[in-house]
Amino acid sequence: MGIINNRVSMNVKHFRKLKGLTQERLAEKVEVSPVYISYLECGSKVPSLVLLAKIADALEIDPALLFIQDDDPTNLEIKNLVGTVSGLEKSTIQFINEMIIAFLNFKNSTHDS
């Protein structure tokens, strides 16, 4: 199995679980069989770009997130953070972003003192 296919299969499984979806429910949303989702998650099948877009849409994430590498712990945390806020209303995401910026500004100002 290729490196990219391995990443995609692991990320589909990760975001599916993060969203609390079963393989069956994800399969319904993207109009494939649950067996196909199982094969996809274990790396036996390689999805088309169209199917990847459908999966990302069903998981409420940007398709690029399906290609994130988990080797770096920072990437995993970013992936978890994005998965947590994906699907929220835009105003809620903007509020969370502003809170993060305020926190970082505060943290940086205490280091400068």
PDB file of N, CA and C in Angstrom:
ATOM      1  N   MET A   1       0.857  -1.180   0.000  1.00  0.00           N
ATOM      2  CA  MET A   1       0.000   0.000   0.000  1.00  0.00           C
ATOM      3  C   MET A   1       0.897   1.235   0.000  1.00  0.00           C
ATOM      4  N   GLY A   2       0.533   2.222  -0.786  1.00  0.00           N
ATOM      5  CA  GLY A   2       1.322   3.439  -0.891  1.00  0.00           C
ATOM      6  C   GLY A   2       1.183   4.316   0.333  1.00  0.00           C
ATOM      7  N   ILE A   3       2.134   5.206   0.497  1.00  0.00           N
ATOM      8  CA  ILE A   3       2.149   6.117   1.646  1.00  0.00           C
ATOM      9  C   ILE A   3       0.907   6.993   1.662  1.00  0.00           C
ATOM     10  N   ILE A   4       0.543   7.540   0.515  1.00  0.00           N
ATOM     11  CA  ILE A   4      -0.627   8.427   0.466  1.00  0.00           C
ATOM     12  C   ILE A   4      -1.894   7.642   0.758  1.00  0.00           C
ATOM     13  N   ASN A   5      -2.025   6.473   0.168  1.00  0.00           N
ATOM     14  CA  ASN A   5      -3.217   5.655   0.421  1.00  0.00           C
ATOM     15  C   ASN A   5      -3.324   5.301   1.903  1.00  0.00           C
ATOM     16  N   ASN A   6      -2.190   5.025   2.526  1.00  0.00           N
ATOM     17  CA  ASN A   6      -2.177   4.709   3.956  1.00  0.00           C
ATOM     18  C   ASN A   6      -2.657   5.900   4.776  1.00  0.00           C
ATOM     19  N   ARG A   7      -2.173   7.090   4.436  1.00  0.00           N
ATOM     20  CA  ARG A   7      -2.604   8.308   5.131  1.00  0.00           C
ATOM     21  C   ARG A   7      -4.096   8.528   4.980  1.00  0.00           C
ATOM     22  N   VAL A   8      -4.573   8.406   3.749  1.00  0.00           N
ATOM     23  CA  VAL A   8      -5.997   8.632   3.488  1.00  0.00           C
ATOM     24  C   VAL A   8      -6.841   7.644   4.276  1.00  0.00           C
ATOM     25  N   SER A   9      -6.479   6.375   4.243  1.00  0.00           N
ATOM     26  CA  SER A   9      -7.280   5.372   4.945  1.00  0.00           C
ATOM     27  C   SER A   9      -7.291   5.631   6.456  1.00  0.00           C
ATOM     28  N   MET A  10      -6.151   5.983   7.019  1.00  0.00           N
ATOM     29  CA  MET A  10      -6.087   6.279   8.460  1.00  0.00           C
ATOM     30  C   MET A  10      -6.882   7.533   8.798  1.00  0.00           C
ATOM     31  N   ASN A  11      -6.817   8.542   7.941  1.00  0.00           N
ATOM     32  CA  ASN A  11      -7.515   9.795   8.208  1.00  0.00           C
ATOM     33  C   ASN A  11      -9.021   9.660   8.044  1.00  0.00           C
ATOM     34  N   VAL A  12      -9.473   8.886   7.072  1.00  0.00           N
ATOM     35  CA  VAL A  12     -10.914   8.645   6.935  1.00  0.00           C
ATOM     36  C   VAL A  12     -11.430   8.004   8.221  1.00  0.00           C
ATOM     37  N   LYS A  13     -10.726   7.003   8.686  1.00  0.00           N
ATOM     38  CA  LYS A  13     -11.138   6.309   9.920  1.00  0.00           C
ATOM     39  C   LYS A  13     -11.109   7.264  11.117  1.00  0.00           C
ATOM     40  N   HIS A  14     -10.051   8.063  11.216  1.00  0.00           N
ATOM     41  CA  HIS A  14      -9.903   8.998  12.333  1.00  0.00           C
ATOM     42  C   HIS A  14     -11.059   9.991  12.375  1.00  0.00           C
ATOM     43  N   PHE A  15     -11.325  10.652  11.246  1.00  0.00           N
ATOM     44  CA  PHE A  15     -12.384  11.665  11.223  1.00  0.00           C
ATOM     45  C   PHE A  15     -13.764  11.040  11.342  1.00  0.00           C
ATOM     46  N   ARG A  16     -13.946   9.839  10.810  1.00  0.00           N
ATOM     47  CA  ARG A  16     -15.235   9.157  10.956  1.00  0.00           C
ATOM     48  C   ARG A  16     -15.527   8.918  12.428  1.00  0.00           C
ATOM     49  N   LYS A  17     -14.530   8.407  13.141  1.00  0.00           N
ATOM     50  CA  LYS A  17     -14.713   8.149  14.571  1.00  0.00           C
ATOM     51  C   LYS A  17     -14.875   9.452  15.342  1.00  0.00           C
ATOM     52  N   LEU A  18     -14.105  10.474  14.974  1.00  0.00           N
ATOM     53  CA  LEU A  18     -14.196  11.769  15.635  1.00  0.00           C
ATOM     54  C   LEU A  18     -15.600  12.347  15.500  1.00  0.00           C
ATOM     55  N   LYS A  19     -16.241  12.104  14.363  1.00  0.00           N
ATOM     56  CA  LYS A  19     -17.605  12.581  14.123  1.00  0.00           C
ATOM     57  C   LYS A  19     -18.661  11.646  14.713  1.00  0.00           C
ATOM     58  N   GLY A  20     -18.211  10.527  15.260  1.00  0.00           N
ATOM     59  CA  GLY A  20     -19.158   9.588  15.868  1.00  0.00           C
ATOM     60  C   GLY A  20     -19.981   8.814  14.851  1.00  0.00           C
ATOM     61  N   LEU A  21     -19.428   8.631  13.666  1.00  0.00           N
ATOM     62  CA  LEU A  21     -20.139   7.902  12.623  1.00  0.00           C
ATOM     63  C   LEU A  21     -19.667   6.455  12.562  1.00  0.00           C
ATOM     64  N   THR A  22     -20.594   5.554  12.300  1.00  0.00           N
ATOM     65  CA  THR A  22     -20.226   4.168  12.019  1.00  0.00           C
ATOM     66  C   THR A  22     -19.825   4.072  10.554  1.00  0.00           C
ATOM     67  N   GLN A  23     -19.186   2.986  10.197  1.00  0.00           N
ATOM     68  CA  GLN A  23     -18.861   2.765   8.786  1.00  0.00           C
ATOM     69  C   GLN A  23     -20.152   2.722   7.960  1.00  0.00           C
ATOM     70  N   GLU A  24     -21.184   2.140   8.538  1.00  0.00           N
ATOM     71  CA  GLU A  24     -22.463   2.035   7.837  1.00  0.00           C
ATOM     72  C   GLU A  24     -23.054   3.419   7.556  1.00  0.00           C
ATOM     73  N   ARG A  25     -23.013   4.301   8.549  1.00  0.00           N
ATOM     74  CA  ARG A  25     -23.590   5.633   8.381  1.00  0.00           C
ATOM     75  C   ARG A  25     -22.795   6.455   7.364  1.00  0.00           C
ATOM     76  N   LEU A  26     -21.452   6.372   7.429  1.00  0.00           N
ATOM     77  CA  LEU A  26     -20.631   7.072   6.446  1.00  0.00           C
ATOM     78  C   LEU A  26     -20.926   6.528   5.053  1.00  0.00           C
ATOM     79  N   ALA A  27     -21.048   5.224   4.929  1.00  0.00           N
ATOM     80  CA  ALA A  27     -21.350   4.603   3.636  1.00  0.00           C
ATOM     81  C   ALA A  27     -22.669   5.128   3.078  1.00  0.00           C
ATOM     82  N   GLU A  28     -23.678   5.260   3.932  1.00  0.00           N
ATOM     83  CA  GLU A  28     -24.965   5.812   3.496  1.00  0.00           C
ATOM     84  C   GLU A  28     -24.790   7.231   2.963  1.00  0.00           C
ATOM     85  N   LYS A  29     -24.035   8.032   3.702  1.00  0.00           N
ATOM     86  CA  LYS A  29     -23.850   9.435   3.333  1.00  0.00           C
ATOM     87  C   LYS A  29     -23.142   9.596   1.987  1.00  0.00           C
ATOM     88  N   VAL A  30     -22.225   8.693   1.672  1.00  0.00           N
ATOM     89  CA  VAL A  30     -21.453   8.828   0.427  1.00  0.00           C
ATOM     90  C   VAL A  30     -21.902   7.841  -0.647  1.00  0.00           C
ATOM     91  N   GLU A  31     -22.969   7.104  -0.343  1.00  0.00           N
ATOM     92  CA  GLU A  31     -23.604   6.205  -1.311  1.00  0.00           C
ATOM     93  C   GLU A  31     -22.680   5.102  -1.824  1.00  0.00           C
ATOM     94  N   VAL A  32     -22.003   4.447  -0.864  1.00  0.00           N
ATOM     95  CA  VAL A  32     -21.238   3.240  -1.168  1.00  0.00           C
ATOM     96  C   VAL A  32     -21.632   2.193  -0.134  1.00  0.00           C
ATOM     97  N   SER A  33     -21.125   0.996  -0.282  1.00  0.00           N
ATOM     98  CA  SER A  33     -21.456  -0.053   0.684  1.00  0.00           C
ATOM     99  C   SER A  33     -20.574   0.074   1.930  1.00  0.00           C
ATOM    100  N   PRO A  34     -21.082  -0.383   3.075  1.00  0.00           N
ATOM    101  CA  PRO A  34     -20.251  -0.386   4.288  1.00  0.00           C
ATOM    102  C   PRO A  34     -18.981  -1.219   4.112  1.00  0.00           C
ATOM    103  N   VAL A  35     -19.065  -2.261   3.309  1.00  0.00           N
ATOM    104  CA  VAL A  35     -17.885  -3.098   3.048  1.00  0.00           C
ATOM    105  C   VAL A  35     -16.812  -2.277   2.339  1.00  0.00           C
ATOM    106  N   TYR A  36     -17.230  -1.402   1.418  1.00  0.00           N
ATOM    107  CA  TYR A  36     -16.265  -0.546   0.724  1.00  0.00           C
ATOM    108  C   TYR A  36     -15.555   0.381   1.706  1.00  0.00           C
ATOM    109  N   ILE A  37     -16.313   0.957   2.642  1.00  0.00           N
ATOM    110  CA  ILE A  37     -15.698   1.835   3.650  1.00  0.00           C
ATOM    111  C   ILE A  37     -14.704   1.037   4.481  1.00  0.00           C
ATOM    112  N   SER A  38     -15.061  -0.177   4.833  1.00  0.00           N
ATOM    113  CA  SER A  38     -14.144  -1.040   5.585  1.00  0.00           C
ATOM    114  C   SER A  38     -12.861  -1.287   4.795  1.00  0.00           C
ATOM    115  N   TYR A  39     -13.002  -1.630   3.519  1.00  0.00           N
ATOM    116  CA  TYR A  39     -11.829  -1.845   2.664  1.00  0.00           C
ATOM    117  C   TYR A  39     -10.995  -0.579   2.540  1.00  0.00           C
ATOM    118  N   LEU A  40     -11.688   0.550   2.404  1.00  0.00           N
ATOM    119  CA  LEU A  40     -11.000   1.840   2.292  1.00  0.00           C
ATOM    120  C   LEU A  40     -10.185   2.122   3.545  1.00  0.00           C
ATOM    121  N   GLU A  41     -10.789   1.900   4.722  1.00  0.00           N
ATOM    122  CA  GLU A  41     -10.102   2.196   5.984  1.00  0.00           C
ATOM    123  C   GLU A  41      -8.932   1.257   6.266  1.00  0.00           C
ATOM    124  N   CYS A  42      -8.976   0.069   5.714  1.00  0.00           N
ATOM    125  CA  CYS A  42      -7.824  -0.827   5.933  1.00  0.00           C
ATOM    126  C   CYS A  42      -6.828  -0.741   4.784  1.00  0.00           C
ATOM    127  N   GLY A  43      -7.117   0.115   3.797  1.00  0.00           N
ATOM    128  CA  GLY A  43      -6.173   0.358   2.717  1.00  0.00           C
ATOM    129  C   GLY A  43      -6.266  -0.595   1.553  1.00  0.00           C
ATOM    130  N   SER A  44      -7.294  -1.438   1.526  1.00  0.00           N
ATOM    131  CA  SER A  44      -7.447  -2.389   0.421  1.00  0.00           C
ATOM    132  C   SER A  44      -8.017  -1.750  -0.838  1.00  0.00           C
ATOM    133  N   LYS A  45      -8.716  -0.631  -0.668  1.00  0.00           N
ATOM    134  CA  LYS A  45      -9.296   0.083  -1.808  1.00  0.00           C
ATOM    135  C   LYS A  45      -8.745   1.500  -1.850  1.00  0.00           C
ATOM    136  N   VAL A  46      -8.607   2.027  -3.060  1.00  0.00           N
ATOM    137  CA  VAL A  46      -8.152   3.399  -3.264  1.00  0.00           C
ATOM    138  C   VAL A  46      -9.334   4.174  -3.840  1.00  0.00           C
ATOM    139  N   PRO A  47      -9.822   5.166  -3.107  1.00  0.00           N
ATOM    140  CA  PRO A  47     -10.993   5.904  -3.582  1.00  0.00           C
ATOM    141  C   PRO A  47     -10.642   6.883  -4.707  1.00  0.00           C
ATOM    142  N   SER A  48     -11.638   7.166  -5.519  1.00  0.00           N
ATOM    143  CA  SER A  48     -11.467   8.187  -6.553  1.00  0.00           C
ATOM    144  C   SER A  48     -11.461   9.558  -5.887  1.00  0.00           C
ATOM    145  N   LEU A  49     -11.028  10.563  -6.623  1.00  0.00           N
ATOM    146  CA  LEU A  49     -11.049  11.930  -6.098  1.00  0.00           C
ATOM    147  C   LEU A  49     -12.480  12.387  -5.831  1.00  0.00           C
ATOM    148  N   VAL A  50     -13.410  11.961  -6.663  1.00  0.00           N
ATOM    149  CA  VAL A  50     -14.813  12.314  -6.462  1.00  0.00           C
ATOM    150  C   VAL A  50     -15.312  11.727  -5.145  1.00  0.00           C
ATOM    151  N   LEU A  51     -14.973  10.461  -4.886  1.00  0.00           N
ATOM    152  CA  LEU A  51     -15.401   9.838  -3.639  1.00  0.00           C
ATOM    153  C   LEU A  51     -14.718  10.489  -2.434  1.00  0.00           C
ATOM    154  N   LEU A  52     -13.446  10.841  -2.574  1.00  0.00           N
ATOM    155  CA  LEU A  52     -12.758  11.534  -1.477  1.00  0.00           C
ATOM    156  C   LEU A  52     -13.458  12.853  -1.146  1.00  0.00           C
ATOM    157  N   ALA A  53     -13.893  13.560  -2.175  1.00  0.00           N
ATOM    158  CA  ALA A  53     -14.610  14.820  -1.955  1.00  0.00           C
ATOM    159  C   ALA A  53     -15.936  14.559  -1.242  1.00  0.00           C
ATOM    160  N   LYS A  54     -16.634  13.500  -1.623  1.00  0.00           N
ATOM    161  CA  LYS A  54     -17.900  13.143  -0.958  1.00  0.00           C
ATOM    162  C   LYS A  54     -17.657  12.774   0.505  1.00  0.00           C
ATOM    163  N   ILE A  55     -16.597  12.028   0.753  1.00  0.00           N
ATOM    164  CA  ILE A  55     -16.271  11.616   2.123  1.00  0.00           C
ATOM    165  C   ILE A  55     -15.947  12.847   2.964  1.00  0.00           C
ATOM    166  N   ALA A  56     -15.119  13.723   2.425  1.00  0.00           N
ATOM    167  CA  ALA A  56     -14.772  14.943   3.159  1.00  0.00           C
ATOM    168  C   ALA A  56     -16.018  15.767   3.453  1.00  0.00           C
ATOM    169  N   ASP A  57     -16.908  15.863   2.493  1.00  0.00           N
ATOM    170  CA  ASP A  57     -18.150  16.599   2.686  1.00  0.00           C
ATOM    171  C   ASP A  57     -18.996  15.943   3.782  1.00  0.00           C
ATOM    172  N   ALA A  58     -19.100  14.630   3.748  1.00  0.00           N
ATOM    173  CA  ALA A  58     -19.876  13.904   4.762  1.00  0.00           C
ATOM    174  C   ALA A  58     -19.271  14.064   6.156  1.00  0.00           C
ATOM    175  N   LEU A  59     -17.942  14.180   6.209  1.00  0.00           N
ATOM    176  CA  LEU A  59     -17.247  14.345   7.489  1.00  0.00           C
ATOM    177  C   LEU A  59     -17.120  15.812   7.890  1.00  0.00           C
ATOM    178  N   GLU A  60     -17.594  16.700   7.010  1.00  0.00           N
ATOM    179  CA  GLU A  60     -17.554  18.149   7.238  1.00  0.00           C
ATOM    180  C   GLU A  60     -16.140  18.659   7.452  1.00  0.00           C
ATOM    181  N   ILE A  61     -15.232  18.203   6.593  1.00  0.00           N
ATOM    182  CA  ILE A  61     -13.835  18.636   6.656  1.00  0.00           C
ATOM    183  C   ILE A  61     -13.367  19.033   5.265  1.00  0.00           C
ATOM    184  N   ASP A  62     -12.262  19.754   5.214  1.00  0.00           N
ATOM    185  CA  ASP A  62     -11.627  20.081   3.953  1.00  0.00           C
ATOM    186  C   ASP A  62     -10.960  18.803   3.433  1.00  0.00           C
ATOM    187  N   PRO A  63     -11.119  18.481   2.156  1.00  0.00           N
ATOM    188  CA  PRO A  63     -10.502  17.260   1.627  1.00  0.00           C
ATOM    189  C   PRO A  63      -9.000  17.163   1.884  1.00  0.00           C
ATOM    190  N   ALA A  64      -8.312  18.288   1.960  1.00  0.00           N
ATOM    191  CA  ALA A  64      -6.862  18.271   2.201  1.00  0.00           C
ATOM    192  C   ALA A  64      -6.517  17.585   3.517  1.00  0.00           C
ATOM    193  N   LEU A  65      -7.443  17.630   4.485  1.00  0.00           N
ATOM    194  CA  LEU A  65      -7.169  16.998   5.780  1.00  0.00           C
ATOM    195  C   LEU A  65      -7.032  15.481   5.676  1.00  0.00           C
ATOM    196  N   LEU A  66      -7.558  14.905   4.608  1.00  0.00           N
ATOM    197  CA  LEU A  66      -7.437  13.459   4.435  1.00  0.00           C
ATOM    198  C   LEU A  66      -6.019  13.040   4.069  1.00  0.00           C
ATOM    199  N   PHE A  67      -5.169  14.036   3.759  1.00  0.00           N
ATOM    200  CA  PHE A  67      -3.781  13.745   3.367  1.00  0.00           C
ATOM    201  C   PHE A  67      -2.764  14.112   4.436  1.00  0.00           C
ATOM    202  N   ILE A  68      -3.217  14.576   5.595  1.00  0.00           N
ATOM    203  CA  ILE A  68      -2.296  14.984   6.657  1.00  0.00           C
ATOM    204  C   ILE A  68      -1.564  13.765   7.215  1.00  0.00           C
ATOM    205  N   GLN A  69      -0.296  13.950   7.427  1.00  0.00           N
ATOM    206  CA  GLN A  69       0.585  12.918   7.964  1.00  0.00           C
ATOM    207  C   GLN A  69       0.514  12.918   9.490  1.00  0.00           C
ATOM    208  N   ASP A  70       0.454  11.731  10.099  1.00  0.00           N
ATOM    209  CA  ASP A  70       0.368  11.624  11.556  1.00  0.00           C
ATOM    210  C   ASP A  70       1.726  11.462  12.237  1.00  0.00           C
ATOM    211  N   ASP A  71       2.791  11.374  11.474  1.00  0.00           N
ATOM    212  CA  ASP A  71       4.111  11.142  12.077  1.00  0.00           C
ATOM    213  C   ASP A  71       4.482  12.242  13.063  1.00  0.00           C
ATOM    214  N   ASP A  72       4.064  13.453  12.766  1.00  0.00           N
ATOM    215  CA  ASP A  72       4.381  14.609  13.595  1.00  0.00           C
ATOM    216  C   ASP A  72       3.235  14.822  14.590  1.00  0.00           C
ATOM    217  N   PRO A  73       3.510  14.779  15.899  1.00  0.00           N
ATOM    218  CA  PRO A  73       2.447  14.964  16.893  1.00  0.00           C
ATOM    219  C   PRO A  73       1.676  16.274  16.723  1.00  0.00           C
ATOM    220  N   THR A  74       2.347  17.304  16.208  1.00  0.00           N
ATOM    221  CA  THR A  74       1.670  18.579  15.972  1.00  0.00           C
ATOM    222  C   THR A  74       0.579  18.407  14.917  1.00  0.00           C
ATOM    223  N   ASN A  75       0.886  17.653  13.862  1.00  0.00           N
ATOM    224  CA  ASN A  75      -0.119  17.406  12.827  1.00  0.00           C
ATOM    225  C   ASN A  75      -1.338  16.698  13.401  1.00  0.00           C
ATOM    226  N   LEU A  76      -1.106  15.735  14.271  1.00  0.00           N
ATOM    227  CA  LEU A  76      -2.215  15.001  14.875  1.00  0.00           C
ATOM    228  C   LEU A  76      -3.077  15.937  15.716  1.00  0.00           C
ATOM    229  N   GLU A  77      -2.453  16.818  16.468  1.00  0.00           N
ATOM    230  CA  GLU A  77      -3.213  17.755  17.291  1.00  0.00           C
ATOM    231  C   GLU A  77      -3.990  18.751  16.431  1.00  0.00           C
ATOM    232  N   ILE A  78      -3.371  19.205  15.355  1.00  0.00           N
ATOM    233  CA  ILE A  78      -4.063  20.118  14.438  1.00  0.00           C
ATOM    234  C   ILE A  78      -5.254  19.396  13.804  1.00  0.00           C
ATOM    235  N   LYS A  79      -5.037  18.155  13.416  1.00  0.00           N
ATOM    236  CA  LYS A  79      -6.114  17.364  12.822  1.00  0.00           C
ATOM    237  C   LYS A  79      -7.261  17.195  13.820  1.00  0.00           C
ATOM    238  N   ASN A  80      -6.930  16.923  15.062  1.00  0.00           N
ATOM    239  CA  ASN A  80      -7.967  16.783  16.090  1.00  0.00           C
ATOM    240  C   ASN A  80      -8.718  18.092  16.299  1.00  0.00           C
ATOM    241  N   LEU A  81      -7.985  19.192  16.325  1.00  0.00           N
ATOM    242  CA  LEU A  81      -8.606  20.502  16.514  1.00  0.00           C
ATOM    243  C   LEU A  81      -9.553  20.831  15.364  1.00  0.00           C
ATOM    244  N   VAL A  82      -9.094  20.623  14.149  1.00  0.00           N
ATOM    245  CA  VAL A  82      -9.937  20.900  12.986  1.00  0.00           C
ATOM    246  C   VAL A  82     -11.162  19.991  12.996  1.00  0.00           C
ATOM    247  N   GLY A  83     -10.965  18.746  13.336  1.00  0.00           N
ATOM    248  CA  GLY A  83     -12.093  17.824  13.408  1.00  0.00           C
ATOM    249  C   GLY A  83     -13.107  18.236  14.456  1.00  0.00           C
ATOM    250  N   THR A  84     -12.634  18.784  15.548  1.00  0.00           N
ATOM    251  CA  THR A  84     -13.519  19.221  16.623  1.00  0.00           C
ATOM    252  C   THR A  84     -14.381  20.394  16.200  1.00  0.00           C
ATOM    253  N   VAL A  85     -13.811  21.341  15.485  1.00  0.00           N
ATOM    254  CA  VAL A  85     -14.574  22.541  15.126  1.00  0.00           C
ATOM    255  C   VAL A  85     -15.291  22.413  13.781  1.00  0.00           C
ATOM    256  N   SER A  86     -14.941  21.419  12.987  1.00  0.00           N
ATOM    257  CA  SER A  86     -15.594  21.298  11.689  1.00  0.00           C
ATOM    258  C   SER A  86     -17.078  21.023  11.887  1.00  0.00           C
ATOM    259  N   GLY A  87     -17.854  21.627  11.049  1.00  0.00           N
ATOM    260  CA  GLY A  87     -19.293  21.460  11.131  1.00  0.00           C
ATOM    261  C   GLY A  87     -19.985  22.484  12.016  1.00  0.00           C
ATOM    262  N   LEU A  88     -19.201  23.252  12.775  1.00  0.00           N
ATOM    263  CA  LEU A  88     -19.799  24.302  13.601  1.00  0.00           C
ATOM    264  C   LEU A  88     -20.169  25.494  12.721  1.00  0.00           C
ATOM    265  N   GLU A  89     -21.033  26.335  13.235  1.00  0.00           N
ATOM    266  CA  GLU A  89     -21.407  27.532  12.496  1.00  0.00           C
ATOM    267  C   GLU A  89     -20.186  28.433  12.319  1.00  0.00           C
ATOM    268  N   LYS A  90     -20.179  29.169  11.230  1.00  0.00           N
ATOM    269  CA  LYS A  90     -19.044  30.037  10.916  1.00  0.00           C
ATOM    270  C   LYS A  90     -18.771  31.026  12.047  1.00  0.00           C
ATOM    271  N   SER A  91     -19.830  31.585  12.639  1.00  0.00           N
ATOM    272  CA  SER A  91     -19.644  32.556  13.717  1.00  0.00           C
ATOM    273  C   SER A  91     -18.991  31.906  14.940  1.00  0.00           C
ATOM    274  N   THR A  92     -19.311  30.653  15.193  1.00  0.00           N
ATOM    275  CA  THR A  92     -18.708  29.936  16.322  1.00  0.00           C
ATOM    276  C   THR A  92     -17.227  29.682  16.053  1.00  0.00           C
ATOM    277  N   ILE A  93     -16.908  29.297  14.834  1.00  0.00           N
ATOM    278  CA  ILE A  93     -15.508  29.061  14.469  1.00  0.00           C
ATOM    279  C   ILE A  93     -14.717  30.365  14.565  1.00  0.00           C
ATOM    280  N   GLN A  94     -15.304  31.471  14.112  1.00  0.00           N
ATOM    281  CA  GLN A  94     -14.632  32.770  14.211  1.00  0.00           C
ATOM    282  C   GLN A  94     -14.392  33.140  15.670  1.00  0.00           C
ATOM    283  N   PHE A  95     -15.371  32.879  16.527  1.00  0.00           N
ATOM    284  CA  PHE A  95     -15.219  33.159  17.951  1.00  0.00           C
ATOM    285  C   PHE A  95     -14.086  32.329  18.546  1.00  0.00           C
ATOM    286  N   ILE A  96     -14.044  31.052  18.223  1.00  0.00           N
ATOM    287  CA  ILE A  96     -12.976  30.172  18.729  1.00  0.00           C
ATOM    288  C   ILE A  96     -11.620  30.670  18.241  1.00  0.00           C
ATOM    289  N   ASN A  97     -11.544  31.072  16.984  1.00  0.00           N
ATOM    290  CA  ASN A  97     -10.297  31.595  16.437  1.00  0.00           C
ATOM    291  C   ASN A  97      -9.851  32.852  17.180  1.00  0.00           C
ATOM    292  N   GLU A  98     -10.793  33.751  17.442  1.00  0.00           N
ATOM    293  CA  GLU A  98     -10.464  34.973  18.187  1.00  0.00           C
ATOM    294  C   GLU A  98      -9.976  34.645  19.597  1.00  0.00           C
ATOM    295  N   MET A  99     -10.577  33.637  20.218  1.00  0.00           N
ATOM    296  CA  MET A  99     -10.148  33.227  21.558  1.00  0.00           C
ATOM    297  C   MET A  99      -8.724  32.663  21.530  1.00  0.00           C
ATOM    298  N   ILE A 100      -8.423  31.897  20.503  1.00  0.00           N
ATOM    299  CA  ILE A 100      -7.072  31.337  20.367  1.00  0.00           C
ATOM    300  C   ILE A 100      -6.059  32.466  20.176  1.00  0.00           C
ATOM    301  N   ILE A 101      -6.386  33.422  19.312  1.00  0.00           N
ATOM    302  CA  ILE A 101      -5.484  34.549  19.078  1.00  0.00           C
ATOM    303  C   ILE A 101      -5.282  35.347  20.371  1.00  0.00           C
ATOM    304  N   ALA A 102      -6.362  35.597  21.112  1.00  0.00           N
ATOM    305  CA  ALA A 102      -6.257  36.331  22.381  1.00  0.00           C
ATOM    306  C   ALA A 102      -5.385  35.560  23.370  1.00  0.00           C
ATOM    307  N   PHE A 103      -5.564  34.249  23.418  1.00  0.00           N
ATOM    308  CA  PHE A 103      -4.753  33.420  24.313  1.00  0.00           C
ATOM    309  C   PHE A 103      -3.276  33.503  23.934  1.00  0.00           C
ATOM    310  N   LEU A 104      -2.982  33.385  22.641  1.00  0.00           N
ATOM    311  CA  LEU A 104      -1.589  33.433  22.195  1.00  0.00           C
ATOM    312  C   LEU A 104      -0.970  34.798  22.440  1.00  0.00           C
ATOM    313  N   ASN A 105      -1.737  35.859  22.219  1.00  0.00           N
ATOM    314  CA  ASN A 105      -1.234  37.202  22.504  1.00  0.00           C
ATOM    315  C   ASN A 105      -0.934  37.367  23.995  1.00  0.00           C
ATOM    316  N   PHE A 106      -1.816  36.865  24.838  1.00  0.00           N
ATOM    317  CA  PHE A 106      -1.600  36.927  26.284  1.00  0.00           C
ATOM    318  C   PHE A 106      -0.363  36.123  26.669  1.00  0.00           C
ATOM    319  N   LYS A 107      -0.269  34.928  26.127  1.00  0.00           N
ATOM    320  CA  LYS A 107       0.875  34.061  26.437  1.00  0.00           C
ATOM    321  C   LYS A 107       2.188  34.715  26.006  1.00  0.00           C
ATOM    322  N   ASN A 108       2.188  35.307  24.813  1.00  0.00           N
ATOM    323  CA  ASN A 108       3.393  35.980  24.322  1.00  0.00           C
ATOM    324  C   ASN A 108       3.729  37.218  25.160  1.00  0.00           C
ATOM    325  N   SER A 109       2.709  37.941  25.619  1.00  0.00           N
ATOM    326  CA  SER A 109       2.972  39.144  26.411  1.00  0.00           C
ATOM    327  C   SER A 109       3.533  38.791  27.784  1.00  0.00           C
ATOM    328  N   THR A 110       3.175  37.646  28.341  1.00  0.00           N
ATOM    329  CA  THR A 110       3.706  37.252  29.641  1.00  0.00           C
ATOM    330  C   THR A 110       5.149  36.761  29.519  1.00  0.00           C
ATOM    331  N   HIS A 111       5.517  36.262  28.331  1.00  0.00           N
ATOM    332  CA  HIS A 111       6.893  35.837  28.096  1.00  0.00           C
ATOM    333  C   HIS A 111       7.814  37.021  27.881  1.00  0.00           C
ATOM    334  N   ASP A 112       7.250  38.110  27.339  1.00  0.00           N
ATOM    335  CA  ASP A 112       8.046  39.299  27.078  1.00  0.00           C
ATOM    336  C   ASP A 112       8.335  40.087  28.349  1.00  0.00           C
ATOM    337  N   SER A 113       7.529  39.897  29.383  1.00  0.00           N
ATOM    338  CA  SER A 113       7.678  40.683  30.619  1.00  0.00           C
ATOM    339  C   SER A 113       8.873  40.255  31.411  1.00  0.00           C
TER     340      SER A 113
END
